[in-house]
Amino acid sequence: MEERLNQNPLSELIPDDVYSLLTSRGLIDEKSVRDYIIRKKFKTLRSSKVSASDAIERLREEYPYLQFDTIRKIVYQPKS
């Protein structure tokens, strides 16, 4: 967990120092960051011609605590 906090998974959106500050003050929603990363990885897999179900299975290997349907909902949820 601590190693993950030292890395900025949103580096293309916010600078590392801002991410560190927000994290240190408890202002980063870890679940939302995880979902963002999952959607980004899914999009990358799909763009490299991996089928949707295979892409979701690969993501399940990385996030074994999530069910297939949970990942499917994450990657297909409408953007607010």
C-alpha atoms as a PDB file:
ATOM      1  CA  MET A   1       0.000   0.000   0.000  1.00  0.00           C
ATOM      2  CA  GLU A   2       2.742   2.462   0.927  1.00  0.00           C
ATOM      3  CA  GLU A   3       4.622   1.761  -2.324  1.00  0.00           C
ATOM      4  CA  ARG A   4       1.448   2.486  -4.284  1.00  0.00           C
ATOM      5  CA  LEU A   5       1.063   5.807  -2.488  1.00  0.00           C
ATOM      6  CA  ASN A   6       4.597   6.789  -3.457  1.00  0.00           C
ATOM      7  CA  GLN A   7       3.768   6.328  -7.135  1.00  0.00           C
ATOM      8  CA  ASN A   8       1.431   8.691  -8.941  1.00  0.00           C
ATOM      9  CA  PRO A   9      -0.997   6.680 -11.079  1.00  0.00           C
ATOM     10  CA  LEU A  10      -2.531   9.953 -12.249  1.00  0.00           C
ATOM     11  CA  SER A  11       0.728  11.472 -13.488  1.00  0.00           C
ATOM     12  CA  GLU A  12      -0.806  12.393 -16.843  1.00  0.00           C
ATOM     13  CA  LEU A  13      -3.477  14.388 -14.987  1.00  0.00           C
ATOM     14  CA  ILE A  14      -1.762  15.903 -11.934  1.00  0.00           C
ATOM     15  CA  PRO A  15       1.865  16.460 -10.889  1.00  0.00           C
ATOM     16  CA  ASP A  16       3.501  14.065  -8.416  1.00  0.00           C
ATOM     17  CA  ASP A  17       3.771  16.668  -5.656  1.00  0.00           C
ATOM     18  CA  VAL A  18       0.047  17.491  -5.895  1.00  0.00           C
ATOM     19  CA  TYR A  19      -0.842  13.779  -5.801  1.00  0.00           C
ATOM     20  CA  SER A  20       1.380  13.273  -2.747  1.00  0.00           C
ATOM     21  CA  LEU A  21      -0.198  16.234  -0.974  1.00  0.00           C
ATOM     22  CA  LEU A  22      -3.743  15.079  -1.732  1.00  0.00           C
ATOM     23  CA  THR A  23      -2.924  11.519  -0.655  1.00  0.00           C
ATOM     24  CA  SER A  24      -1.290  12.672   2.581  1.00  0.00           C
ATOM     25  CA  ARG A  25      -4.454  14.581   3.473  1.00  0.00           C
ATOM     26  CA  GLY A  26      -6.768  11.697   2.611  1.00  0.00           C
ATOM     27  CA  LEU A  27      -8.316  13.492  -0.344  1.00  0.00           C
ATOM     28  CA  ILE A  28      -7.687  10.781  -2.952  1.00  0.00           C
ATOM     29  CA  ASP A  29     -10.415   8.171  -3.390  1.00  0.00           C
ATOM     30  CA  GLU A  30      -8.355   5.008  -3.889  1.00  0.00           C
ATOM     31  CA  LYS A  31     -11.293   3.104  -5.394  1.00  0.00           C
ATOM     32  CA  SER A  32     -11.820   5.774  -8.041  1.00  0.00           C
ATOM     33  CA  VAL A  33      -8.106   5.756  -8.870  1.00  0.00           C
ATOM     34  CA  ARG A  34      -8.197   1.942  -9.158  1.00  0.00           C
ATOM     35  CA  ASP A  35     -11.222   2.128 -11.460  1.00  0.00           C
ATOM     36  CA  TYR A  36      -9.499   4.775 -13.598  1.00  0.00           C
ATOM     37  CA  ILE A  37      -6.433   2.527 -13.956  1.00  0.00           C
ATOM     38  CA  ILE A  38      -8.617  -0.471 -14.836  1.00  0.00           C
ATOM     39  CA  ARG A  39     -10.453   1.524 -17.539  1.00  0.00           C
ATOM     40  CA  LYS A  40      -7.151   2.776 -18.944  1.00  0.00           C
ATOM     41  CA  LYS A  41      -5.650  -0.740 -19.078  1.00  0.00           C
ATOM     42  CA  PHE A  42      -8.842  -2.121 -20.636  1.00  0.00           C
ATOM     43  CA  LYS A  43      -8.739   0.532 -23.355  1.00  0.00           C
ATOM     44  CA  THR A  44      -5.083  -0.294 -24.068  1.00  0.00           C
ATOM     45  CA  LEU A  45      -5.821  -4.013 -24.306  1.00  0.00           C
ATOM     46  CA  ARG A  46      -8.785  -3.411 -26.605  1.00  0.00           C
ATOM     47  CA  SER A  47      -6.733  -1.143 -28.858  1.00  0.00           C
ATOM     48  CA  SER A  48      -4.230  -3.977 -29.262  1.00  0.00           C
ATOM     49  CA  LYS A  49      -7.006  -6.242 -30.611  1.00  0.00           C
ATOM     50  CA  VAL A  50      -7.653  -8.237 -27.415  1.00  0.00           C
ATOM     51  CA  SER A  51     -11.288  -9.326 -27.131  1.00  0.00           C
ATOM     52  CA  ALA A  52     -13.346  -7.665 -24.411  1.00  0.00           C
ATOM     53  CA  SER A  53     -13.785 -10.876 -22.421  1.00  0.00           C
ATOM     54  CA  ASP A  54     -10.061 -11.716 -22.656  1.00  0.00           C
ATOM     55  CA  ALA A  55      -9.178  -8.172 -21.575  1.00  0.00           C
ATOM     56  CA  ILE A  56     -11.463  -8.485 -18.554  1.00  0.00           C
ATOM     57  CA  GLU A  57      -9.922 -11.862 -17.685  1.00  0.00           C
ATOM     58  CA  ARG A  58      -6.434 -10.353 -17.848  1.00  0.00           C
ATOM     59  CA  LEU A  59      -7.558  -7.579 -15.537  1.00  0.00           C
ATOM     60  CA  ARG A  60      -9.019 -10.197 -13.162  1.00  0.00           C
ATOM     61  CA  GLU A  61      -5.563 -11.771 -12.952  1.00  0.00           C
ATOM     62  CA  GLU A  62      -4.232  -8.414 -11.818  1.00  0.00           C
ATOM     63  CA  TYR A  63      -7.174  -7.728  -9.487  1.00  0.00           C
ATOM     64  CA  PRO A  64      -8.210 -11.229  -8.308  1.00  0.00           C
ATOM     65  CA  TYR A  65     -10.487  -9.834  -5.613  1.00  0.00           C
ATOM     66  CA  LEU A  66     -12.803  -8.379  -8.286  1.00  0.00           C
ATOM     67  CA  GLN A  67     -15.440 -10.476 -10.037  1.00  0.00           C
ATOM     68  CA  PHE A  68     -15.723 -10.571 -13.847  1.00  0.00           C
ATOM     69  CA  ASP A  69     -19.008  -8.624 -13.706  1.00  0.00           C
ATOM     70  CA  THR A  70     -17.508  -6.011 -11.402  1.00  0.00           C
ATOM     71  CA  ILE A  71     -14.699  -5.294 -13.858  1.00  0.00           C
ATOM     72  CA  ARG A  72     -17.199  -5.276 -16.720  1.00  0.00           C
ATOM     73  CA  LYS A  73     -19.267  -2.664 -14.874  1.00  0.00           C
ATOM     74  CA  ILE A  74     -16.166  -0.573 -14.198  1.00  0.00           C
ATOM     75  CA  VAL A  75     -15.009  -0.535 -17.831  1.00  0.00           C
ATOM     76  CA  TYR A  76     -18.465   0.078 -19.294  1.00  0.00           C
ATOM     77  CA  GLN A  77     -19.864   2.528 -16.737  1.00  0.00           C
ATOM     78  CA  PRO A  78     -20.857   5.823 -18.314  1.00  0.00           C
ATOM     79  CA  LYS A  79     -18.557   8.713 -17.570  1.00  0.00           C
ATOM     80  CA  SER A  80     -20.186  11.271 -15.300  1.00  0.00           C
END
